[in-house]
């Protein structure tokens, strides 16, 4: 009886944390939905948007070097009860400051890179503020101040949106304004978390625990190439498209990269849902030790069911929804189907990365992502050469699919977790059929993609309902429980 209660508690705790982080991320998701259409109207040309996205990806490439992968170590070692919170936070802060110092020393070389001479200063500040915000949010999560994280998410989102309006519409700063808005939003978040969490109390430069610092670095350093490999798979598409598609159909390389970045608009909904869940999941993955294999397997089945249904809906509705963009961005819907499949695999990879975090096997995170990055670059070159910019979306899907396969095998070896491969293959196969039907433009494509979506939802109903059974009582209280009991009464076979 006690075991059953403990089992129920850990699922209930995961559901509660998911709701808290959903509140934090809901505004971020709303921002994502609002900002991309807003940018298509605020930016004068498609090429301006393409350049802005490429510059932000420059910054994202530098972030792992400056942070030295500490974002993962902060929460992993912060959750260990035997470690001092002050030493964990101080080690993380010193690592980031040291990494940024090295980046500053590299400026004489960095300024000769494309676009760095004009935008380098902003990119440097972008990197520093992003690293500091990640440090603060991850440390607050390790302290399990989840409500504070939720408030910070809403505040940062509102602030960033306000700065977008001010810099892009008010001052008309274009690309500079785009970067400054993100920097300003992160700065507001750092100030808020520092003052509300009194994070200065956790900075202690005297008596630094060098052994703990070495352990954290040993864990986090392999994350640098792993994060870079992740960047290669997710961001290199923009660079390949810019260089290889320049002049195609009369459009510049920046214009094609701008259309491709717009194509990420709807798949970002999936990755946002994945981040919401992962923020809660990483706490449960580390702290819940009993029956870990069964716990991971059951949660993955439920989680994947929700993602498959959402992915099917996004592919089905992408053409009409993309009409909210400025008219010359509508072509971007062609990129949505396989970017949605790629985002689904990315969410799965993030989930399975928790297996490496639990076992402190960060080197496995490295080699799996490296395999995907190398294959992605090779496929990008050939697929774009054969099929144009849309080939980059196929490459992303297959590269992330390879990572998913490798991590699923590792998860089974390390903790005995199963992803139920036959079920995953059926769902991915159905999604691929839906994507090809849409891209081929077959007669009545809306009907056929709608039927495939309905079939995927019915196939995954049990998993979706399993998540709903946990979340509804948490959200609606007694009314949620009554609804769950009513539906269970309709669906469960009655005893003779």
Protein backbone atom coordinates (compact mmCIF):
# COMPACT_ATOMS: atom_id res chain seq x y z
CA UNK A 1 0.00 0.00 0.00
CA UNK A 2 2.85 2.34 0.89
CA UNK A 3 4.57 1.62 -2.42
CA UNK A 4 1.38 2.42 -4.33
CA UNK A 5 1.05 5.71 -2.48
CA UNK A 6 4.68 6.63 -3.19
CA UNK A 7 4.20 5.76 -6.85
CA UNK A 8 1.13 7.97 -7.04
CA UNK A 9 2.98 10.76 -5.25
CA UNK A 10 5.81 10.88 -7.77
CA UNK A 11 3.42 11.05 -10.72
CA UNK A 12 1.38 13.69 -8.93
CA UNK A 13 4.51 15.67 -8.12
CA UNK A 14 5.60 15.56 -11.76
CA UNK A 15 2.14 16.75 -12.84
CA UNK A 16 2.22 19.60 -10.32
CA UNK A 17 5.69 20.77 -11.39
CA UNK A 18 4.64 20.55 -15.04
CA UNK A 19 1.72 22.90 -14.38
CA UNK A 20 3.94 25.36 -12.53
CA UNK A 21 6.49 25.43 -15.35
CA UNK A 22 3.65 25.63 -17.88
CA UNK A 23 2.53 28.86 -16.23
CA UNK A 24 6.11 30.10 -16.51
CA UNK A 25 6.42 29.07 -20.15
CA UNK A 26 2.88 29.84 -21.32
CA UNK A 27 3.72 33.47 -21.81
CA UNK A 28 6.93 32.47 -23.58
CA UNK A 29 4.89 30.25 -25.91
CA UNK A 30 2.48 33.11 -26.47
CA UNK A 31 5.43 35.40 -27.18
CA UNK A 32 6.73 32.92 -29.76
CA UNK A 33 3.35 32.81 -31.46
CA UNK A 34 3.07 36.59 -31.48
CA UNK A 35 6.65 37.55 -32.23
CA UNK A 36 7.20 35.65 -35.47
CA UNK A 37 4.20 37.21 -37.27
CA UNK A 38 5.11 40.55 -35.64
CA UNK A 39 8.67 40.32 -36.99
CA UNK A 40 7.45 39.65 -40.53
CA UNK A 41 5.71 43.05 -40.41
CA UNK A 42 8.32 44.91 -38.31
CA UNK A 43 11.32 43.93 -40.46
CA UNK A 44 11.53 45.86 -43.72
CA UNK A 45 12.77 42.90 -45.80
CA UNK A 46 12.81 39.12 -45.49
CA UNK A 47 16.62 39.33 -45.69
CA UNK A 48 16.68 41.50 -42.53
CA UNK A 49 14.87 38.80 -40.59
CA UNK A 50 17.20 36.16 -42.01
CA UNK A 51 20.26 38.15 -40.88
CA UNK A 52 18.78 38.67 -37.39
CA UNK A 53 18.21 34.93 -36.97
CA UNK A 54 21.71 34.12 -38.20
CA UNK A 55 23.29 36.59 -35.76
CA UNK A 56 21.33 35.11 -32.85
CA UNK A 57 22.63 31.69 -33.92
CA UNK A 58 26.20 33.05 -33.80
CA UNK A 59 25.51 33.90 -30.16
CA UNK A 60 23.96 30.48 -29.49
CA UNK A 61 27.12 28.87 -30.86
CA UNK A 62 29.32 30.88 -28.47
CA UNK A 63 27.17 30.28 -25.37
CA UNK A 64 28.39 26.69 -24.71
CA UNK A 65 32.02 27.88 -24.83
CA UNK A 66 31.43 30.73 -22.40
CA UNK A 67 29.25 28.75 -19.98
CA UNK A 68 31.40 25.61 -20.42
CA UNK A 69 28.21 23.55 -20.20
CA UNK A 70 27.60 24.66 -16.60
CA UNK A 71 23.82 24.96 -17.01
CA UNK A 72 23.52 21.18 -16.74
CA UNK A 73 25.99 20.89 -13.85
CA UNK A 74 24.24 23.58 -11.79
CA UNK A 75 20.98 21.67 -11.54
CA UNK A 76 22.56 18.21 -11.33
CA UNK A 77 24.94 19.06 -8.49
CA UNK A 78 22.54 21.57 -6.94
CA UNK A 79 19.99 18.79 -6.43
CA UNK A 80 22.56 16.58 -4.66
CA UNK A 81 21.85 17.03 -0.97
CA UNK A 82 25.49 16.72 0.07
CA UNK A 83 26.67 19.75 -1.90
CA UNK A 84 26.78 23.34 -0.63
CA UNK A 85 24.43 25.63 -2.58
CA UNK A 86 26.91 28.50 -2.20
CA UNK A 87 29.75 26.48 -3.67
CA UNK A 88 27.65 25.23 -6.58
CA UNK A 89 26.43 28.73 -7.50
CA UNK A 90 29.84 30.36 -7.01
CA UNK A 91 31.57 27.73 -9.14
CA UNK A 92 29.03 28.28 -11.91
CA UNK A 93 29.43 32.07 -11.77
CA UNK A 94 33.24 31.92 -11.83
CA UNK A 95 33.17 29.50 -14.74
CA UNK A 96 30.96 31.83 -16.81
CA UNK A 97 33.02 34.92 -15.98
CA UNK A 98 36.21 33.04 -16.86
CA UNK A 99 34.72 31.81 -20.12
CA UNK A 100 33.59 35.32 -21.05
CA UNK A 101 37.06 36.67 -20.24
CA UNK A 102 38.57 34.19 -22.71
CA UNK A 103 35.98 35.26 -25.30
CA UNK A 104 36.99 38.92 -24.84
CA UNK A 105 40.64 37.99 -25.39
CA UNK A 106 39.64 36.37 -28.68
CA UNK A 107 38.09 39.60 -30.00
CA UNK A 108 41.05 40.54 -32.27
CA UNK A 109 40.41 37.31 -34.18
CA UNK A 110 36.60 37.19 -33.85
CA UNK A 111 36.09 40.60 -35.50
CA UNK A 112 37.28 39.20 -38.82
CA UNK A 113 34.44 36.64 -38.93
CA UNK A 114 31.43 37.44 -41.17
CA UNK A 115 29.17 40.14 -39.65
CA UNK A 116 31.18 40.27 -36.40
CA UNK A 117 32.83 43.63 -37.10
CA UNK A 118 29.43 45.35 -37.24
CA UNK A 119 27.47 43.29 -34.70
CA UNK A 120 30.21 41.71 -32.56
CA UNK A 121 29.71 43.89 -29.48
CA UNK A 122 26.00 43.13 -29.34
CA UNK A 123 26.63 39.42 -29.85
CA UNK A 124 29.14 39.41 -26.96
CA UNK A 125 26.65 41.11 -24.62
CA UNK A 126 23.91 38.73 -25.83
CA UNK A 127 26.10 35.75 -24.89
CA UNK A 128 26.97 37.07 -21.42
CA UNK A 129 23.39 37.96 -20.49
CA UNK A 130 22.07 34.62 -21.75
CA UNK A 131 24.65 32.70 -19.71
CA UNK A 132 23.91 34.68 -16.55
CA UNK A 133 20.16 34.22 -16.94
CA UNK A 134 20.58 30.47 -17.44
CA UNK A 135 22.82 30.31 -14.36
CA UNK A 136 20.20 32.08 -12.22
CA UNK A 137 17.20 30.11 -13.51
CA UNK A 138 18.93 26.73 -13.23
CA UNK A 139 20.11 27.49 -9.70
CA UNK A 140 16.61 28.60 -8.67
CA UNK A 141 15.26 25.34 -10.13
CA UNK A 142 17.84 23.34 -8.20
CA UNK A 143 16.53 25.03 -5.05
CA UNK A 144 13.06 23.95 -6.23
CA UNK A 145 11.69 27.49 -6.00
CA UNK A 146 9.36 26.58 -8.83
CA UNK A 147 6.83 29.38 -8.34
CA UNK A 148 9.62 31.95 -8.57
CA UNK A 149 10.65 30.37 -11.88
CA UNK A 150 7.07 30.70 -13.10
CA UNK A 151 6.87 34.41 -12.22
CA UNK A 152 10.26 35.04 -13.83
CA UNK A 153 9.14 33.38 -17.05
CA UNK A 154 6.12 35.65 -17.33
CA UNK A 155 8.13 38.78 -16.44
CA UNK A 156 10.92 38.03 -18.91
CA UNK A 157 8.40 37.39 -21.69
CA UNK A 158 6.47 40.62 -21.10
CA UNK A 159 9.70 42.61 -20.89
CA UNK A 160 11.12 41.11 -24.09
CA UNK A 161 7.92 41.78 -26.00
CA UNK A 162 7.87 45.37 -24.78
CA UNK A 163 11.47 45.85 -25.89
CA UNK A 164 10.65 44.36 -29.32
CA UNK A 165 7.91 46.95 -29.78
CA UNK A 166 10.11 49.78 -28.50
CA UNK A 167 13.25 48.97 -30.49
CA UNK A 168 11.68 47.71 -33.72
CA UNK A 169 8.57 49.87 -34.08
CA UNK A 170 9.51 52.86 -31.93
CA UNK A 171 13.20 53.36 -32.70
CA UNK A 172 13.22 51.27 -35.91
CA UNK A 173 16.62 49.78 -35.07
CA UNK A 174 16.12 46.69 -37.23
CA UNK A 175 18.63 43.90 -36.61
CA UNK A 176 20.29 45.84 -33.77
CA UNK A 177 16.88 46.25 -32.12
CA UNK A 178 16.15 42.53 -32.44
CA UNK A 179 19.34 41.60 -30.57
CA UNK A 180 18.93 44.38 -28.00
CA UNK A 181 15.39 43.27 -27.15
CA UNK A 182 16.58 39.76 -26.25
CA UNK A 183 19.52 41.19 -24.26
CA UNK A 184 17.22 43.56 -22.36
CA UNK A 185 14.72 40.80 -21.53
CA UNK A 186 17.49 38.58 -20.14
CA UNK A 187 18.88 41.48 -18.11
CA UNK A 188 15.47 42.11 -16.51
CA UNK A 189 15.26 38.41 -15.63
CA UNK A 190 18.73 38.38 -14.03
CA UNK A 191 17.88 41.43 -11.91
CA UNK A 192 14.54 39.97 -10.83
CA UNK A 193 15.94 36.57 -9.81
CA UNK A 194 18.95 38.14 -8.10
CA UNK A 195 16.82 40.39 -5.90
CA UNK A 196 13.88 38.09 -5.19
CA UNK A 197 16.09 35.05 -4.60
CA UNK A 198 18.82 37.12 -2.88
CA UNK A 199 21.34 35.25 -4.98
CA UNK A 200 24.22 37.39 -3.74
CA UNK A 201 23.99 35.40 -0.51
CA UNK A 202 25.13 32.34 -2.48
CA UNK A 203 28.30 33.99 -3.80
CA UNK A 204 31.27 33.01 -1.65
CA UNK A 205 34.73 33.44 -3.09
CA UNK A 206 36.52 32.39 0.09
CA UNK A 207 37.15 28.72 0.63
CA UNK A 208 36.18 27.62 -2.88
CA UNK A 209 35.65 23.86 -3.07
CA UNK A 210 38.07 22.97 -5.87
CA UNK A 211 37.18 19.29 -5.78
CA UNK A 212 33.50 20.08 -6.38
CA UNK A 213 34.47 22.51 -9.14
CA UNK A 214 36.51 19.78 -10.84
CA UNK A 215 33.59 17.36 -10.59
CA UNK A 216 31.25 19.93 -12.10
CA UNK A 217 33.67 20.68 -14.93
CA UNK A 218 34.23 16.98 -15.55
CA UNK A 219 30.50 16.62 -15.92
CA UNK A 220 29.87 19.81 -17.91
CA UNK A 221 32.82 20.01 -20.33
CA UNK A 222 31.61 17.12 -22.53
CA UNK A 223 28.38 19.09 -22.83
CA UNK A 224 30.20 21.76 -24.88
CA UNK A 225 30.69 19.65 -28.02
CA UNK A 226 27.31 18.04 -27.33
CA UNK A 227 25.61 21.46 -27.32
CA UNK A 228 27.58 22.53 -30.38
CA UNK A 229 26.48 19.36 -32.16
CA UNK A 230 22.90 20.20 -31.19
CA UNK A 231 23.45 23.68 -32.62
CA UNK A 232 24.83 22.20 -35.84
CA UNK A 233 21.71 20.08 -36.31
CA UNK A 234 19.25 22.87 -35.47
CA UNK A 235 20.97 26.01 -36.75
CA UNK A 236 23.39 25.02 -39.50
CA UNK A 237 20.43 24.76 -41.87
CA UNK A 238 20.24 28.56 -41.97
CA UNK A 239 23.90 28.85 -42.94
CA UNK A 240 23.78 26.08 -45.54
CA UNK A 241 20.67 27.60 -47.10
CA UNK A 242 22.15 31.11 -47.12
CA UNK A 243 25.31 29.98 -48.89
CA UNK A 244 23.87 27.35 -51.24
CA UNK A 245 20.58 29.02 -52.26
CA UNK A 246 21.81 32.54 -52.99
CA UNK A 247 20.15 33.67 -56.23
CA UNK A 248 17.70 30.74 -56.36
CA UNK A 249 14.40 31.91 -57.89
CA UNK A 250 15.69 35.48 -57.68
CA UNK A 251 15.99 35.47 -53.86
CA UNK A 252 19.12 36.17 -51.84
CA UNK A 253 20.59 33.66 -49.42
CA UNK A 254 19.45 35.84 -46.50
CA UNK A 255 15.90 35.83 -47.87
CA UNK A 256 15.81 32.03 -48.07
CA UNK A 257 17.22 31.76 -44.53
CA UNK A 258 14.52 34.22 -43.43
CA UNK A 259 11.81 32.02 -44.94
CA UNK A 260 13.34 28.93 -43.33
CA UNK A 261 13.45 30.61 -39.92
CA UNK A 262 9.78 31.57 -40.38
CA UNK A 263 9.04 27.90 -41.05
CA UNK A 264 10.14 27.16 -37.45
CA UNK A 265 7.19 29.23 -36.20
CA UNK A 266 4.72 26.35 -35.75
CA UNK A 267 7.22 23.57 -34.83
CA UNK A 268 8.40 25.86 -32.03
CA UNK A 269 5.09 25.10 -30.30
CA UNK A 270 6.27 21.50 -29.95
CA UNK A 271 9.70 22.42 -28.64
CA UNK A 272 8.10 24.82 -26.16
CA UNK A 273 5.84 22.05 -24.87
CA UNK A 274 8.92 19.86 -24.60
CA UNK A 275 10.78 22.49 -22.59
CA UNK A 276 7.83 22.99 -20.26
CA UNK A 277 7.74 19.30 -19.52
CA UNK A 278 11.52 18.86 -19.33
CA UNK A 279 11.86 21.61 -16.72
CA UNK A 280 9.61 19.54 -14.45
CA UNK A 281 10.88 16.17 -15.63
CA UNK A 282 14.55 16.78 -14.87
CA UNK A 283 13.65 17.30 -11.19
CA UNK A 284 11.74 14.02 -11.02
CA UNK A 285 14.30 12.12 -13.11
CA UNK A 286 17.08 12.92 -10.64
CA UNK A 287 15.20 12.75 -7.34
CA UNK A 288 12.90 9.73 -7.95
CA UNK A 289 15.10 6.63 -7.63
CA UNK A 290 12.64 3.78 -6.94
CA UNK A 291 11.46 1.81 -9.97
CA UNK A 292 13.29 4.14 -12.32
CA UNK A 293 13.07 1.94 -15.45
CA UNK A 294 9.29 1.55 -15.19
CA UNK A 295 8.88 5.23 -14.30
CA UNK A 296 10.89 6.42 -17.34
CA UNK A 297 9.11 3.97 -19.68
CA UNK A 298 5.62 4.93 -18.55
CA UNK A 299 6.28 8.67 -18.66
CA UNK A 300 7.87 8.46 -22.11
CA UNK A 301 4.87 6.60 -23.50
CA UNK A 302 2.50 9.25 -22.18
CA UNK A 303 4.74 12.16 -23.21
CA UNK A 304 5.31 10.81 -26.72
CA UNK A 305 1.56 10.26 -27.22
CA UNK A 306 0.89 13.95 -26.58
CA UNK A 307 3.72 15.04 -28.89
CA UNK A 308 2.60 12.78 -31.74
CA UNK A 309 -0.94 14.19 -31.57
CA UNK A 310 0.31 17.78 -31.47
CA UNK A 311 2.70 17.15 -34.38
CA UNK A 312 -0.11 15.70 -36.50
CA UNK A 313 -2.30 18.72 -35.78
CA UNK A 314 0.47 21.19 -36.67
CA UNK A 315 1.13 19.52 -40.03
CA UNK A 316 -2.60 19.40 -40.79
CA UNK A 317 -3.21 23.09 -40.03
CA UNK A 318 0.09 24.66 -41.12
CA UNK A 319 -1.08 26.03 -44.48
CA UNK A 320 -4.10 28.00 -43.20
CA UNK A 321 -2.28 29.17 -40.06
CA UNK A 322 0.68 30.55 -42.05
CA UNK A 323 -1.70 33.09 -43.61
CA UNK A 324 -1.28 35.21 -40.48
CA UNK A 325 2.21 36.07 -41.72
CA UNK A 326 2.95 38.85 -44.14
CA UNK A 327 1.96 37.60 -47.61
CA UNK A 328 5.50 37.24 -48.98
CA UNK A 329 6.32 34.86 -46.08
CA UNK A 330 3.51 32.40 -46.88
CA UNK A 331 5.84 30.10 -48.86
CA UNK A 332 7.47 29.19 -45.53
CA UNK A 333 4.71 26.60 -44.94
CA UNK A 334 6.72 24.21 -47.17
CA UNK A 335 9.33 23.97 -44.41
CA UNK A 336 6.85 23.19 -41.62
CA UNK A 337 6.05 19.44 -42.10
CA UNK A 338 9.55 18.00 -41.74
CA UNK A 339 10.64 20.68 -39.26
CA UNK A 340 7.72 19.44 -37.13
CA UNK A 341 9.04 15.88 -37.37
CA UNK A 342 12.51 17.16 -36.48
CA UNK A 343 11.11 19.03 -33.45
CA UNK A 344 9.34 15.87 -32.29
CA UNK A 345 12.63 13.95 -32.37
CA UNK A 346 14.37 16.87 -30.63
CA UNK A 347 11.87 16.67 -27.73
CA UNK A 348 12.47 12.91 -27.45
CA UNK A 349 16.24 13.45 -27.44
CA UNK A 350 15.91 15.99 -24.65
CA UNK A 351 13.86 13.53 -22.61
CA UNK A 352 16.40 10.73 -23.11
CA UNK A 353 19.25 13.08 -22.20
CA UNK A 354 17.89 12.91 -18.63
CA UNK A 355 19.17 9.32 -18.53
CA UNK A 356 22.72 10.65 -19.00
CA UNK A 357 22.14 13.37 -16.39
CA UNK A 358 20.92 10.82 -13.84
CA UNK A 359 23.90 8.54 -14.45
CA UNK A 360 26.37 11.44 -14.90
CA UNK A 361 27.32 10.03 -18.32
CA UNK A 362 27.67 13.33 -20.18
CA UNK A 363 30.16 11.79 -22.63
CA UNK A 364 27.28 9.75 -24.10
CA UNK A 365 25.36 12.97 -24.69
CA UNK A 366 28.41 14.15 -26.63
CA UNK A 367 28.90 11.23 -28.99
CA UNK A 368 25.22 10.78 -29.78
CA UNK A 369 24.82 14.46 -30.69
CA UNK A 370 28.11 14.42 -32.59
CA UNK A 371 26.88 11.52 -34.71
CA UNK A 372 23.73 13.46 -35.55
CA UNK A 373 25.67 16.66 -36.32
CA UNK A 374 28.11 15.03 -38.74
CA UNK A 375 25.35 13.17 -40.59
CA UNK A 376 23.24 16.35 -40.67
CA UNK A 377 25.99 18.39 -42.33
CA UNK A 378 26.58 15.72 -44.98
CA UNK A 379 22.87 15.38 -45.69
CA UNK A 380 22.39 19.17 -45.72
CA UNK A 381 24.90 19.53 -48.55
CA UNK A 382 23.41 16.83 -50.75
CA UNK A 383 19.73 17.35 -49.95
CA UNK A 384 19.88 21.13 -50.53
CA UNK A 385 21.80 20.49 -53.75
CA UNK A 386 19.12 18.05 -54.95
CA UNK A 387 15.89 19.58 -53.59
CA UNK A 388 16.70 23.18 -52.72
CA UNK A 389 16.10 24.79 -49.30
CA UNK A 390 13.42 22.25 -48.33
CA UNK A 391 16.16 19.60 -48.31
CA UNK A 392 17.50 21.13 -45.10
CA UNK A 393 14.33 20.10 -43.28
CA UNK A 394 14.76 16.46 -44.36
CA UNK A 395 18.35 16.56 -43.11
CA UNK A 396 17.30 17.93 -39.72
CA UNK A 397 14.68 15.23 -39.25
CA UNK A 398 17.00 12.36 -40.20
CA UNK A 399 19.91 13.75 -38.13
CA UNK A 400 17.77 14.10 -35.00
CA UNK A 401 16.16 10.73 -35.74
CA UNK A 402 19.62 9.13 -35.65
CA UNK A 403 20.32 10.75 -32.27
CA UNK A 404 16.99 9.47 -30.97
CA UNK A 405 17.80 5.92 -32.06
CA UNK A 406 21.23 5.96 -30.40
CA UNK A 407 19.87 7.43 -27.16
CA UNK A 408 17.01 4.95 -27.02
CA UNK A 409 19.53 2.10 -27.19
CA UNK A 410 21.62 3.75 -24.45
CA UNK A 411 18.56 4.26 -22.22
CA UNK A 412 17.69 0.59 -22.50
CA UNK A 413 21.26 -0.44 -21.59
CA UNK A 414 21.69 2.01 -18.70
CA UNK A 415 18.37 1.80 -16.85
CA UNK A 416 16.30 -0.80 -18.71
CA UNK A 417 13.92 1.78 -20.19
CA UNK A 418 11.88 0.88 -23.29
CA UNK A 419 10.50 3.36 -25.85
CA UNK A 420 8.21 0.69 -27.40
CA UNK A 421 9.92 0.99 -30.84
CA UNK A 422 7.07 -0.54 -32.88
CA UNK A 423 4.62 2.04 -31.53
CA UNK A 424 7.06 4.91 -32.20
CA UNK A 425 7.70 3.63 -35.75
CA UNK A 426 3.96 3.50 -36.52
CA UNK A 427 3.48 7.08 -35.33
CA UNK A 428 6.50 8.48 -37.17
CA UNK A 429 5.48 6.60 -40.32
CA UNK A 430 1.98 8.11 -40.16
CA UNK A 431 3.42 11.59 -39.66
CA UNK A 432 5.75 11.16 -42.64
CA UNK A 433 2.79 10.08 -44.80
CA UNK A 434 0.88 13.16 -43.68
CA UNK A 435 3.88 15.39 -44.50
CA UNK A 436 4.31 13.94 -48.00
CA UNK A 437 0.57 14.23 -48.75
CA UNK A 438 0.67 17.91 -47.80
CA UNK A 439 3.87 18.72 -49.72
CA UNK A 440 2.70 16.82 -52.82
CA UNK A 441 -0.48 18.90 -52.87
CA UNK A 442 -2.69 15.93 -53.75
CA UNK A 443 -6.38 16.68 -54.40
CA UNK A 444 -8.33 17.13 -51.17
CA UNK A 445 -5.05 17.16 -49.22
CA UNK A 446 -6.82 18.80 -46.27
CA UNK A 447 -9.21 15.87 -45.99
CA UNK A 448 -6.49 13.22 -46.17
CA UNK A 449 -4.20 14.96 -43.68
CA UNK A 450 -7.19 15.46 -41.39
CA UNK A 451 -8.00 11.75 -41.50
CA UNK A 452 -4.38 10.85 -40.74
CA UNK A 453 -4.43 13.29 -37.80
CA UNK A 454 -7.62 11.70 -36.47
CA UNK A 455 -6.09 8.22 -36.80
CA UNK A 456 -2.97 9.30 -34.86
CA UNK A 457 -5.11 10.83 -32.09
CA UNK A 458 -7.19 7.66 -31.76
CA UNK A 459 -4.08 5.48 -31.75
CA UNK A 460 -2.52 7.55 -28.94
CA UNK A 461 -5.69 8.28 -26.97
CA UNK A 462 -4.72 6.07 -24.02
CA UNK A 463 -1.44 7.91 -23.53
CA UNK A 464 -3.03 11.35 -23.88
CA UNK A 465 -5.76 10.44 -21.42
CA UNK A 466 -3.15 9.15 -18.94
CA UNK A 467 -1.62 12.63 -18.87
CA UNK A 468 -5.03 14.30 -18.69
CA UNK A 469 -5.95 12.14 -15.67
CA UNK A 470 -2.97 13.61 -13.82
CA UNK A 471 -3.32 17.22 -14.94
CA UNK A 472 -7.10 17.82 -14.77
CA UNK A 473 -7.43 17.37 -10.97
CA UNK A 474 -4.37 19.59 -10.47
CA UNK A 475 -5.85 22.36 -12.62
CA UNK A 476 -9.58 22.17 -11.81
CA UNK A 477 -9.60 20.49 -8.39
CA UNK A 478 -12.76 18.55 -7.54
CA UNK A 479 -14.35 19.34 -10.90
CA UNK A 480 -11.32 17.84 -12.62
CA UNK A 481 -11.58 14.71 -10.48
CA UNK A 482 -15.28 14.40 -11.29
CA UNK A 483 -14.55 14.67 -15.01
CA UNK A 484 -11.83 12.02 -14.77
CA UNK A 485 -14.14 9.66 -12.88
CA UNK A 486 -16.93 10.24 -15.41
CA UNK A 487 -14.73 9.50 -18.43
CA UNK A 488 -13.20 6.47 -16.70
CA UNK A 489 -16.72 5.22 -16.07
CA UNK A 490 -17.57 5.48 -19.76
CA UNK A 491 -14.36 3.95 -21.09
CA UNK A 492 -13.64 1.15 -18.63
CA UNK A 493 -15.47 -2.12 -19.27
CA UNK A 494 -18.02 -2.92 -16.59
CA UNK A 495 -17.74 -6.10 -14.59
CA UNK A 496 -20.40 -8.71 -15.18
